[in-house]
Amino acid sequence: MKTTAQHISDSDSGRSPSDDEKRLGVEPGPFETARRHELPPDPDAGLSVEEKAKIDRKLLWRLDLKLIPWLCLLYLLSFLDRTNIGNAKIEGLTTTLKLTPGQYNACLSIFFVSYSCFEPVTNIMLKRFRPRIFLPVIMVLWGIVMTLMGVTKNFSGLAAARWFLGLAEAGLFPGINYYLSCWYKRSEFGIRAAIFFSAAAVSGSFGGLLAAAIAQMDGVGGARGWQWIFILEGIATVLIGVASFWMVYDFPDEATFLSDADRQRVIRRLKADQQSSAEHEEFKMSYFWASVKDWKTWNSAIIYMGADGALYAFSLFLPTIINELGYTSTKAQLLSVPPYAAACILTVIIGYVADRTKQRGLCNIGVAIIGAIGFSMLLSASSPGVSYAGTFLGALGIYPCIANTISWASNNTEGVYKRGVTLGFVIGWGNLNGVVSSNIYRSSDKKTHYKIGHGVVLSYLVLFLLIGSIVQHLALRRENAKRRSGVRDVWIEGKSEEEIELLGDKRFVLPMSDHFWMTY
């Protein structure tokens, strides 16, 4: 039974043309009309294993060059635009607008409300409107909002701008992670998600340098330095957004940069990895409810909450924390660079190690411990040097877990729409905790060196990230044991091929050591 179950998990009946294909008059190609258990024609038939491996490496390198660099640039701008308010603060934002500490924190918080509330539905919109349209449009919109932040005159204007910034940015991070998961095999996704997310660390590093440089324009055109930070970075986002109409591509079955042979190779790779992203899939509410009822969705959300809540507290307030150590605003901007640079390097290393070992849980656990040590140092430090060292360990313990947790959730969720909904919930819930993060480093706590803020971040890292990762690691080990013993065979007994396909990740009744349930 186990052998049969494993075999038919790839199969399903053929599909009818999608609504878009009917509307556009597009005829499905030979690889699109194949039944789910059938691979599309092999363009490399007759070649040796070594020759096929060489072609596969070249294809993977081409995908990387076409997809990863530009998507990293988009996320760099996204993270820069949402966190540059921290740089603007130490350049006089709160003084010019006469903001109270509570009003400033409210401006930080309101971003995360709109951002997190709209994230769960954005992946469905991405699938519906296609990446090369959806992603550039939202970029142009948030670039316009960012530019207008530079001309706000009061609290109300800044709060409104931050609300619409969150609304416009909501689709980028979950959308790109979902998009990449539809291009790469599970064993290849982690390192690429890590490289993509490392753009956030680069953004923190680059943001400090850029803010220090732009702030020198203070007084030019009658505008303050913090205004120029918003205006120039917003204009850059609009320009990159417009260019993205030509630089972002659709999903594998429609991407224009692929030749017919390469398209067949990509589809074959995904089918061999038993991914539904190799298929056209029409949206059904059953996919939504499958995600909602899956315990992994909510446990992953708790883990991501621990990492993301800590991330936003760290990124929004690092310049303030360093400034509190006694450095000038410009030096504080520059000293925020090294921790981000170190985090960027470790993020990529963890992505590589997790892909090779398939032990994403253990990677999360180890990195979370590093972060907990860092914030323990910040809590107990009595000198600026020790506190600054703590920021290094804090960054190292937060950033790698973001990409690793997203890869972990994606690897263990099957079905195009189910995965999209799951990532939307996981990332949306994590980002909602930015509301908490925005309010834990209070100006009134400066005399106590922000011990309350450091304590809250430490709690996030231990209670949610560390313990959540341990729970999921052990739960997946238990699940694998059940699948090995045949306990889960009952899930597919008596079901048709189409019904088995609709089971998503439940159709894999055997733990597959190559890529799937073995991602402890």
Protein backbone atom coordinates (compact mmCIF):
# COMPACT_ATOMS: atom_id res chain seq x y z
CA MET A 1 0.00 0.00 0.00
CA LYS A 2 2.82 2.38 0.84
CA THR A 3 4.44 1.96 -2.55
CA THR A 4 1.16 2.53 -4.32
CA ALA A 5 0.36 5.55 -2.24
CA GLN A 6 3.72 7.07 -3.01
CA HIS A 7 3.26 6.48 -6.72
CA ILE A 8 -0.20 7.93 -7.11
CA SER A 9 0.59 11.01 -5.04
CA ASP A 10 1.87 12.57 -8.26
CA SER A 11 -1.25 11.92 -10.25
CA ASP A 12 -4.54 13.52 -11.04
CA SER A 13 -6.82 13.93 -13.99
CA GLY A 14 -6.11 16.37 -16.75
CA ARG A 15 -7.28 19.95 -16.56
CA SER A 16 -9.49 22.19 -18.63
CA PRO A 17 -8.20 25.50 -19.92
CA SER A 18 -8.22 28.22 -17.26
CA ASP A 19 -10.53 31.23 -17.51
CA ASP A 20 -7.61 33.43 -18.59
CA GLU A 21 -6.66 30.97 -21.33
CA LYS A 22 -10.23 30.88 -22.65
CA ARG A 23 -10.44 34.67 -22.59
CA LEU A 24 -7.11 35.12 -24.37
CA GLY A 25 -7.59 32.24 -26.77
CA VAL A 26 -4.43 30.50 -25.56
CA GLU A 27 -4.09 26.83 -26.39
CA PRO A 28 -2.41 24.78 -23.64
CA GLY A 29 0.97 23.36 -24.58
CA PRO A 30 1.88 19.67 -24.54
CA PHE A 31 3.24 19.83 -20.99
CA GLU A 32 0.10 21.62 -19.78
CA THR A 33 -2.32 19.01 -21.12
CA ALA A 34 -0.46 16.15 -19.45
CA ARG A 35 -2.15 14.36 -16.61
CA ARG A 36 -0.71 15.13 -13.20
CA HIS A 37 1.14 11.81 -12.97
CA GLU A 38 2.73 12.38 -16.38
CA LEU A 39 5.83 14.43 -16.96
CA PRO A 40 5.90 16.83 -19.93
CA PRO A 41 8.07 15.79 -22.90
CA ASP A 42 11.74 15.53 -21.96
CA PRO A 43 13.73 17.92 -24.19
CA ASP A 44 16.91 16.15 -23.09
CA ALA A 45 15.85 12.61 -23.92
CA GLY A 46 18.79 10.52 -25.09
CA LEU A 47 21.39 12.52 -23.17
CA SER A 48 23.55 10.97 -20.48
CA VAL A 49 22.95 11.61 -16.76
CA GLU A 50 26.04 13.83 -16.65
CA GLU A 51 24.86 15.88 -19.64
CA LYS A 52 21.40 16.30 -18.08
CA ALA A 53 22.94 17.39 -14.77
CA LYS A 54 25.03 20.00 -16.59
CA ILE A 55 21.94 21.36 -18.37
CA ASP A 56 20.06 21.43 -15.05
CA ARG A 57 22.82 23.43 -13.37
CA LYS A 58 22.82 25.94 -16.22
CA LEU A 59 19.02 26.24 -16.01
CA LEU A 60 19.12 26.80 -12.25
CA TRP A 61 21.82 29.45 -12.65
CA ARG A 62 19.74 31.19 -15.32
CA LEU A 63 16.68 31.20 -13.05
CA ASP A 64 18.77 32.64 -10.23
CA LEU A 65 20.11 35.45 -12.40
CA LYS A 66 16.68 36.31 -13.79
CA LEU A 67 14.72 36.17 -10.54
CA ILE A 68 16.79 36.68 -7.40
CA PRO A 69 18.77 39.95 -7.90
CA TRP A 70 15.79 42.08 -8.90
CA LEU A 71 13.51 40.60 -6.23
CA CYS A 72 16.20 41.31 -3.63
CA LEU A 73 16.27 44.92 -4.81
CA LEU A 74 12.50 45.18 -4.44
CA TYR A 75 12.56 43.89 -0.88
CA LEU A 76 15.53 46.08 0.01
CA LEU A 77 13.46 49.10 -0.99
CA SER A 78 10.40 47.76 0.82
CA PHE A 79 12.22 47.26 4.10
CA LEU A 80 14.08 50.54 3.70
CA ASP A 81 10.83 52.45 3.20
CA ARG A 82 9.07 50.93 6.20
CA THR A 83 11.97 51.37 8.66
CA ASN A 84 13.55 54.65 7.55
CA ILE A 85 11.24 56.44 9.99
CA GLY A 86 13.70 55.32 12.69
CA ASN A 87 16.51 57.14 10.84
CA ALA A 88 14.27 60.15 10.29
CA LYS A 89 13.52 60.33 14.00
CA ILE A 90 17.11 61.01 15.01
CA GLU A 91 17.32 63.63 12.24
CA GLY A 92 14.54 65.72 13.83
CA LEU A 93 11.24 64.24 12.61
CA THR A 94 9.55 64.31 16.02
CA THR A 95 10.80 67.83 16.77
CA THR A 96 9.63 69.33 13.48
CA LEU A 97 6.17 67.75 13.61
CA LYS A 98 5.90 68.28 17.38
CA LEU A 99 5.11 64.62 17.99
CA THR A 100 4.73 63.27 21.48
CA PRO A 101 6.34 59.86 22.18
CA GLY A 102 2.87 58.30 22.07
CA GLN A 103 2.08 59.85 18.69
CA TYR A 104 5.39 58.67 17.22
CA ASN A 105 4.75 55.12 18.41
CA ALA A 106 1.20 55.31 17.01
CA CYS A 107 2.65 56.18 13.60
CA LEU A 108 4.85 53.10 13.82
CA SER A 109 1.98 50.88 14.93
CA ILE A 110 -0.59 51.92 12.35
CA PHE A 111 1.64 50.66 9.54
CA PHE A 112 1.51 47.12 10.90
CA VAL A 113 -2.28 47.13 11.27
CA SER A 114 -2.98 47.72 7.57
CA TYR A 115 0.07 45.67 6.53
CA SER A 116 -0.88 42.54 8.45
CA CYS A 117 -4.63 42.71 7.81
CA PHE A 118 -4.23 42.68 4.04
CA GLU A 119 -1.38 40.14 3.80
CA PRO A 120 -3.48 36.93 3.94
CA VAL A 121 -5.36 37.84 0.73
CA THR A 122 -2.46 39.26 -1.26
CA ASN A 123 -1.13 35.90 -2.50
CA ILE A 124 -4.52 35.13 -4.00
CA MET A 125 -4.39 38.53 -5.73
CA LEU A 126 -0.84 37.79 -6.92
CA LYS A 127 -1.98 34.52 -8.47
CA ARG A 128 -5.03 36.18 -10.02
CA PHE A 129 -3.42 39.31 -11.47
CA ARG A 130 0.02 37.77 -12.20
CA PRO A 131 3.35 38.80 -10.68
CA ARG A 132 4.54 41.10 -13.47
CA ILE A 133 1.45 43.29 -12.96
CA PHE A 134 0.70 42.98 -9.26
CA LEU A 135 4.20 43.55 -7.84
CA PRO A 136 5.12 46.64 -9.93
CA VAL A 137 1.73 48.26 -9.26
CA ILE A 138 2.00 47.98 -5.48
CA MET A 139 5.60 49.26 -5.64
CA VAL A 140 4.63 52.40 -7.52
CA LEU A 141 1.80 52.99 -5.06
CA TRP A 142 3.92 52.72 -1.93
CA GLY A 143 6.69 54.79 -3.55
CA ILE A 144 4.19 57.61 -4.05
CA VAL A 145 3.06 57.32 -0.44
CA MET A 146 6.67 57.37 0.79
CA THR A 147 7.40 60.50 -1.21
CA LEU A 148 4.35 62.23 0.24
CA MET A 149 5.53 61.39 3.75
CA GLY A 150 8.27 63.92 3.14
CA VAL A 151 5.75 66.77 2.94
CA THR A 152 3.59 65.87 5.94
CA LYS A 153 3.05 68.73 8.39
CA ASN A 154 1.56 67.05 11.45
CA PHE A 155 0.74 63.83 13.24
CA SER A 156 -2.45 63.20 11.26
CA GLY A 157 -0.67 63.41 7.92
CA LEU A 158 2.16 61.13 9.01
CA ALA A 159 -0.25 58.57 10.49
CA ALA A 160 -2.36 58.51 7.30
CA ALA A 161 0.74 58.05 5.16
CA ARG A 162 1.97 55.17 7.33
CA TRP A 163 -1.45 53.47 7.07
CA PHE A 164 -1.43 53.56 3.27
CA LEU A 165 2.24 52.57 3.18
CA GLY A 166 1.37 49.38 5.06
CA LEU A 167 -1.59 48.73 2.78
CA ALA A 168 0.51 49.07 -0.37
CA GLU A 169 3.50 47.07 0.92
CA ALA A 170 1.40 44.18 2.24
CA GLY A 171 1.69 42.08 -0.91
CA LEU A 172 5.44 42.14 -1.47
CA PHE A 173 7.09 39.93 1.15
CA PRO A 174 4.53 37.08 1.27
CA GLY A 175 4.05 37.41 -2.48
CA ILE A 176 7.71 37.00 -3.38
CA ASN A 177 8.23 34.10 -0.97
CA TYR A 178 5.20 32.37 -2.45
CA TYR A 179 6.38 33.22 -5.97
CA LEU A 180 9.86 31.76 -5.39
CA SER A 181 8.39 28.60 -3.87
CA CYS A 182 6.61 28.06 -7.20
CA TRP A 183 9.91 28.15 -9.13
CA TYR A 184 12.28 26.05 -7.04
CA LYS A 185 12.38 22.59 -5.53
CA ARG A 186 11.99 22.41 -1.76
CA SER A 187 15.66 21.57 -1.28
CA GLU A 188 16.61 24.70 -3.25
CA PHE A 189 14.17 27.19 -1.75
CA GLY A 190 15.76 27.84 1.64
CA ILE A 191 19.02 29.36 0.44
CA ARG A 192 17.20 31.55 -2.05
CA ALA A 193 14.69 32.73 0.54
CA ALA A 194 17.67 33.52 2.77
CA ILE A 195 19.43 35.51 0.04
CA PHE A 196 16.19 37.33 -0.68
CA PHE A 197 15.56 38.17 2.97
CA SER A 198 19.19 39.18 3.49
CA ALA A 199 18.15 42.25 1.52
CA ALA A 200 16.44 43.34 4.76
CA ALA A 201 19.74 43.20 6.61
CA VAL A 202 21.44 44.98 3.72
CA SER A 203 18.65 47.54 3.89
CA GLY A 204 19.40 48.17 7.54
CA SER A 205 23.08 48.51 6.77
CA PHE A 206 22.57 50.56 3.61
CA GLY A 207 19.77 52.57 5.22
CA GLY A 208 22.05 53.90 7.94
CA LEU A 209 24.67 54.96 5.40
CA LEU A 210 22.09 56.45 3.06
CA ALA A 211 20.30 58.33 5.82
CA ALA A 212 23.59 59.79 7.06
CA ALA A 213 24.35 61.02 3.54
CA ILE A 214 20.87 62.37 2.73
CA ALA A 215 20.69 64.15 6.09
CA GLN A 216 23.50 66.39 4.89
CA MET A 217 20.90 68.00 2.58
CA ASP A 218 19.27 69.58 5.63
CA GLY A 219 18.03 73.03 4.58
CA VAL A 220 18.23 72.42 0.82
CA GLY A 221 15.06 73.75 -0.80
CA GLY A 222 13.81 74.72 2.64
CA ALA A 223 13.32 71.05 3.61
CA ARG A 224 14.77 69.29 6.63
CA GLY A 225 17.10 66.31 6.36
CA TRP A 226 14.42 63.84 7.49
CA GLN A 227 12.10 65.11 4.74
CA TRP A 228 14.73 64.46 2.09
CA ILE A 229 15.14 60.90 3.41
CA PHE A 230 11.46 60.19 2.69
CA ILE A 231 11.31 62.11 -0.61
CA LEU A 232 14.42 60.72 -2.29
CA GLU A 233 13.86 57.14 -1.16
CA GLY A 234 10.21 57.36 -2.28
CA ILE A 235 11.16 58.62 -5.75
CA ALA A 236 13.70 55.79 -6.09
CA THR A 237 10.97 53.26 -5.26
CA VAL A 238 8.63 54.69 -7.91
CA LEU A 239 11.34 54.50 -10.59
CA ILE A 240 12.26 50.91 -9.67
CA GLY A 241 8.55 50.03 -9.60
CA VAL A 242 8.08 51.27 -13.16
CA ALA A 243 11.13 49.32 -14.31
CA SER A 244 9.67 46.22 -12.65
CA PHE A 245 6.96 45.97 -15.33
CA TRP A 246 9.79 44.67 -17.54
CA MET A 247 11.99 43.03 -14.89
CA VAL A 248 9.45 40.86 -13.02
CA TYR A 249 8.24 37.66 -14.67
CA ASP A 250 5.15 35.50 -14.33
CA PHE A 251 4.95 31.95 -12.98
CA PRO A 252 6.89 29.18 -14.81
CA ASP A 253 4.05 28.17 -17.13
CA GLU A 254 3.80 31.74 -18.51
CA ALA A 255 7.24 33.34 -17.96
CA THR A 256 8.37 34.94 -21.22
CA PHE A 257 12.12 34.55 -20.68
CA LEU A 258 11.88 30.74 -20.84
CA SER A 259 12.20 28.89 -24.12
CA ASP A 260 9.78 26.03 -24.69
CA ALA A 261 12.52 23.53 -23.82
CA ASP A 262 13.46 25.36 -20.62
CA ARG A 263 9.81 25.68 -19.65
CA GLN A 264 9.43 21.92 -19.95
CA ARG A 265 12.57 21.44 -17.86
CA VAL A 266 11.27 23.72 -15.10
CA ILE A 267 7.88 21.98 -15.05
CA ARG A 268 9.55 18.57 -14.99
CA ARG A 269 11.73 19.63 -12.03
CA LEU A 270 8.68 20.77 -10.06
CA LYS A 271 6.70 17.63 -10.91
CA ALA A 272 9.64 15.46 -9.86
CA ASP A 273 9.57 17.37 -6.55
CA GLN A 274 5.83 16.53 -6.34
CA GLN A 275 4.78 20.17 -6.23
CA SER A 276 1.35 21.36 -7.24
CA SER A 277 3.01 24.57 -8.41
CA ALA A 278 3.80 22.56 -11.53
CA GLU A 279 0.08 22.60 -12.32
CA HIS A 280 -2.63 25.12 -13.10
CA GLU A 281 -4.90 25.23 -10.07
CA GLU A 282 -8.20 27.07 -9.89
CA PHE A 283 -9.00 28.70 -6.55
CA LYS A 284 -11.47 26.90 -4.29
CA MET A 285 -12.49 27.80 -0.75
CA SER A 286 -11.49 24.26 0.26
CA TYR A 287 -7.85 25.30 -0.17
CA PHE A 288 -8.40 28.21 2.20
CA TRP A 289 -10.03 26.03 4.84
CA ALA A 290 -7.35 23.37 4.45
CA SER A 291 -4.81 25.99 5.50
CA VAL A 292 -6.95 27.26 8.38
CA LYS A 293 -7.44 23.73 9.77
CA ASP A 294 -3.75 22.76 9.51
CA TRP A 295 -1.94 22.95 12.87
CA LYS A 296 1.30 23.76 11.06
CA THR A 297 -0.18 27.06 9.85
CA TRP A 298 -0.72 28.31 13.39
CA ASN A 299 2.40 26.89 14.96
CA SER A 300 4.46 28.43 12.16
CA ALA A 301 2.65 31.71 12.80
CA ILE A 302 3.70 31.56 16.47
CA ILE A 303 7.31 30.87 15.52
CA TYR A 304 7.30 33.67 12.97
CA MET A 305 5.70 35.96 15.53
CA GLY A 306 8.72 35.43 17.78
CA ALA A 307 11.14 36.30 15.01
CA ASP A 308 9.18 39.12 13.39
CA GLY A 309 8.17 40.89 16.59
CA ALA A 310 11.83 40.98 17.59
CA LEU A 311 12.87 42.01 14.07
CA TYR A 312 10.74 45.15 13.93
CA ALA A 313 11.65 46.22 17.46
CA PHE A 314 15.31 45.86 16.54
CA SER A 315 15.18 47.51 13.12
CA LEU A 316 12.96 50.43 14.14
CA PHE A 317 14.89 51.31 17.27
CA LEU A 318 18.52 50.28 16.61
CA PRO A 319 19.54 53.86 15.70
CA THR A 320 17.83 55.09 18.89
CA ILE A 321 19.49 52.38 21.00
CA ILE A 322 22.94 53.28 19.64
CA ASN A 323 22.21 56.99 19.95
CA GLU A 324 21.34 56.38 23.62
CA LEU A 325 24.86 54.99 24.13
CA GLY A 326 26.16 58.54 23.73
CA TYR A 327 26.90 58.83 20.02
CA THR A 328 25.87 61.69 17.72
CA SER A 329 23.06 61.13 15.22
CA THR A 330 25.42 60.68 12.26
CA LYS A 331 27.71 58.30 14.15
CA ALA A 332 24.68 56.38 15.43
CA GLN A 333 23.49 55.95 11.83
CA LEU A 334 26.91 54.62 10.81
CA LEU A 335 27.30 52.33 13.84
CA SER A 336 24.01 50.65 12.94
CA VAL A 337 25.67 49.25 9.80
CA PRO A 338 27.96 46.46 11.17
CA PRO A 339 25.26 44.47 13.05
CA TYR A 340 23.14 44.34 9.90
CA ALA A 341 26.11 43.28 7.78
CA ALA A 342 26.88 40.40 10.16
CA ALA A 343 23.21 39.35 10.16
CA CYS A 344 23.15 39.34 6.36
CA ILE A 345 26.09 36.91 6.21
CA LEU A 346 24.66 34.53 8.81
CA THR A 347 21.23 34.57 7.14
CA VAL A 348 22.73 33.19 3.91
CA ILE A 349 24.87 30.64 5.80
CA ILE A 350 21.84 29.32 7.72
CA GLY A 351 19.84 29.11 4.49
CA TYR A 352 22.58 26.99 2.91
CA VAL A 353 23.02 24.74 5.96
CA ALA A 354 19.27 24.22 6.41
CA ASP A 355 18.85 23.22 2.75
CA ARG A 356 21.69 20.71 2.95
CA THR A 357 20.82 19.18 6.33
CA LYS A 358 17.01 19.52 6.08
CA GLN A 359 17.05 20.45 9.76
CA ARG A 360 15.33 23.83 9.70
CA GLY A 361 14.02 23.35 13.23
CA LEU A 362 17.48 22.82 14.72
CA CYS A 363 18.78 25.83 12.79
CA ASN A 364 16.00 27.99 14.26
CA ILE A 365 16.70 26.70 17.76
CA GLY A 366 20.44 27.38 17.58
CA VAL A 367 20.05 30.87 16.12
CA ALA A 368 17.30 31.83 18.60
CA ILE A 369 19.66 31.00 21.47
CA ILE A 370 22.23 33.42 20.02
CA GLY A 371 19.59 36.17 19.91
CA ALA A 372 18.50 35.46 23.49
CA ILE A 373 22.10 35.80 24.67
CA GLY A 374 22.39 39.14 22.83
CA PHE A 375 19.32 40.68 24.41
CA SER A 376 20.33 39.29 27.81
CA MET A 377 23.55 41.27 27.38
CA LEU A 378 21.54 44.40 26.53
CA LEU A 379 19.45 43.89 29.64
CA SER A 380 22.38 43.52 32.00
CA ALA A 381 25.06 45.65 30.29
CA SER A 382 26.66 48.48 32.22
CA SER A 383 28.90 49.81 29.45
CA PRO A 384 28.32 50.99 25.85
CA GLY A 385 30.76 48.39 24.51
CA VAL A 386 28.86 45.45 25.99
CA SER A 387 25.54 46.91 24.80
CA TYR A 388 26.87 47.34 21.26
CA ALA A 389 28.14 43.73 21.29
CA GLY A 390 24.65 42.70 22.39
CA THR A 391 23.15 44.37 19.31
CA PHE A 392 25.41 42.19 17.15
CA LEU A 393 24.21 38.96 18.76
CA GLY A 394 20.64 40.26 18.70
CA ALA A 395 20.80 40.81 14.94
CA LEU A 396 22.45 37.41 14.41
CA GLY A 397 19.68 35.74 16.41
CA ILE A 398 16.77 37.38 14.59
CA TYR A 399 17.39 37.79 10.87
CA PRO A 400 18.28 34.18 9.88
CA CYS A 401 15.12 32.86 11.57
CA ILE A 402 12.83 34.97 9.37
CA ALA A 403 13.84 33.34 6.08
CA ASN A 404 14.31 29.92 7.69
CA THR A 405 10.82 29.94 9.22
CA ILE A 406 9.22 30.96 5.91
CA SER A 407 11.09 28.14 4.14
CA TRP A 408 10.05 25.71 6.87
CA ALA A 409 6.37 26.61 6.54
CA SER A 410 6.53 26.53 2.73
CA ASN A 411 8.36 23.19 2.58
CA ASN A 412 5.71 21.48 4.69
CA THR A 413 2.66 22.92 2.92
CA GLU A 414 1.55 21.54 -0.45
CA GLY A 415 -0.95 22.91 -2.92
CA VAL A 416 -0.52 26.19 -4.79
CA TYR A 417 -3.32 28.12 -3.09
CA LYS A 418 -3.00 26.40 0.29
CA ARG A 419 0.66 27.37 0.44
CA GLY A 420 -0.18 30.92 -0.57
CA VAL A 421 -2.86 31.25 2.11
CA THR A 422 -0.63 29.66 4.74
CA LEU A 423 2.24 32.03 4.03
CA GLY A 424 -0.20 34.93 4.11
CA PHE A 425 -1.46 33.93 7.56
CA VAL A 426 2.01 33.20 8.93
CA ILE A 427 3.57 36.43 7.70
CA GLY A 428 0.47 38.51 8.42
CA TRP A 429 0.27 37.36 12.04
CA GLY A 430 3.99 37.93 12.50
CA ASN A 431 3.76 41.44 11.15
CA LEU A 432 0.75 42.27 13.30
CA ASN A 433 3.14 41.98 16.23
CA GLY A 434 4.88 45.04 14.86
CA VAL A 435 2.15 46.91 16.72
CA VAL A 436 3.66 45.62 19.96
CA SER A 437 7.23 46.19 18.75
CA SER A 438 6.45 49.81 17.96
CA ASN A 439 5.52 50.57 21.55
CA ILE A 440 8.08 48.80 23.73
CA TYR A 441 10.99 51.24 23.38
CA ARG A 442 9.46 54.25 25.07
CA SER A 443 11.20 57.57 25.50
CA SER A 444 10.35 57.48 29.19
CA ASP A 445 12.49 54.33 29.52
CA LYS A 446 15.67 56.02 28.33
CA LYS A 447 16.92 56.49 31.91
CA THR A 448 16.70 52.73 32.48
CA HIS A 449 18.46 52.03 29.16
CA TYR A 450 15.28 50.62 27.60
CA LYS A 451 15.26 47.52 29.81
CA ILE A 452 11.52 47.00 29.32
CA GLY A 453 11.96 46.95 25.53
CA HIS A 454 14.90 44.56 25.71
CA GLY A 455 12.94 42.32 28.09
CA VAL A 456 9.93 42.13 25.77
CA VAL A 457 12.13 41.24 22.79
CA LEU A 458 13.89 38.57 24.87
CA SER A 459 10.47 37.13 25.77
CA TYR A 460 9.49 36.99 22.09
CA LEU A 461 12.70 35.17 21.22
CA VAL A 462 12.39 32.58 24.00
CA LEU A 463 8.64 31.99 24.36
CA PHE A 464 7.60 32.09 20.70
CA LEU A 465 10.65 31.59 18.47
CA LEU A 466 12.68 29.15 20.55
CA ILE A 467 9.92 27.14 22.25
CA GLY A 468 7.70 27.25 19.14
CA SER A 469 10.55 25.83 17.04
CA ILE A 470 11.17 23.06 19.58
CA VAL A 471 7.47 22.13 19.57
CA GLN A 472 7.27 22.01 15.77
CA HIS A 473 10.55 20.09 15.49
CA LEU A 474 9.28 17.40 17.87
CA ALA A 475 5.78 17.34 16.33
CA LEU A 476 7.17 16.75 12.83
CA ARG A 477 9.41 13.97 14.12
CA ARG A 478 6.32 12.35 15.60
CA GLU A 479 4.40 12.82 12.34
CA ASN A 480 7.22 11.23 10.36
CA ALA A 481 7.18 8.24 12.69
CA LYS A 482 3.46 7.76 12.04
CA ARG A 483 3.97 7.96 8.28
CA ARG A 484 6.78 5.43 8.40
CA SER A 485 4.65 3.01 10.40
CA GLY A 486 1.75 3.22 7.94
CA VAL A 487 -0.68 4.87 10.37
CA ARG A 488 -1.45 7.61 7.80
CA ASP A 489 -2.18 5.21 4.92
CA VAL A 490 -5.87 5.47 5.77
CA TRP A 491 -5.85 9.04 4.42
CA ILE A 492 -5.63 7.86 0.80
CA GLU A 493 -7.35 4.48 0.91
CA GLY A 494 -10.34 4.28 -1.40
CA LYS A 495 -9.80 7.76 -2.86
CA SER A 496 -9.53 8.71 -6.52
CA GLU A 497 -6.43 10.35 -7.94
CA GLU A 498 -8.14 13.77 -7.90
CA GLU A 499 -9.24 13.34 -4.29
CA ILE A 500 -5.70 12.38 -3.28
CA GLU A 501 -4.30 15.44 -5.05
CA LEU A 502 -6.71 17.67 -3.13
CA LEU A 503 -5.29 16.34 0.14
CA GLY A 504 -2.25 18.57 -0.44
CA ASP A 505 0.59 17.67 1.94
CA LYS A 506 -1.55 14.91 3.49
CA ARG A 507 -1.19 12.90 0.31
CA PHE A 508 2.43 12.16 1.20
CA VAL A 509 1.80 9.23 3.49
CA LEU A 510 5.49 8.34 3.44
CA PRO A 511 8.11 10.70 4.93
CA MET A 512 10.35 11.62 2.02
CA SER A 513 13.93 12.09 3.15
CA ASP A 514 14.85 14.07 0.06
CA HIS A 515 12.74 17.11 0.66
CA PHE A 516 9.44 17.00 2.44
CA TRP A 517 8.43 15.91 5.89
CA MET A 518 12.03 15.35 6.92
CA THR A 519 12.46 19.10 7.25
CA TYR A 520 12.42 18.85 11.01
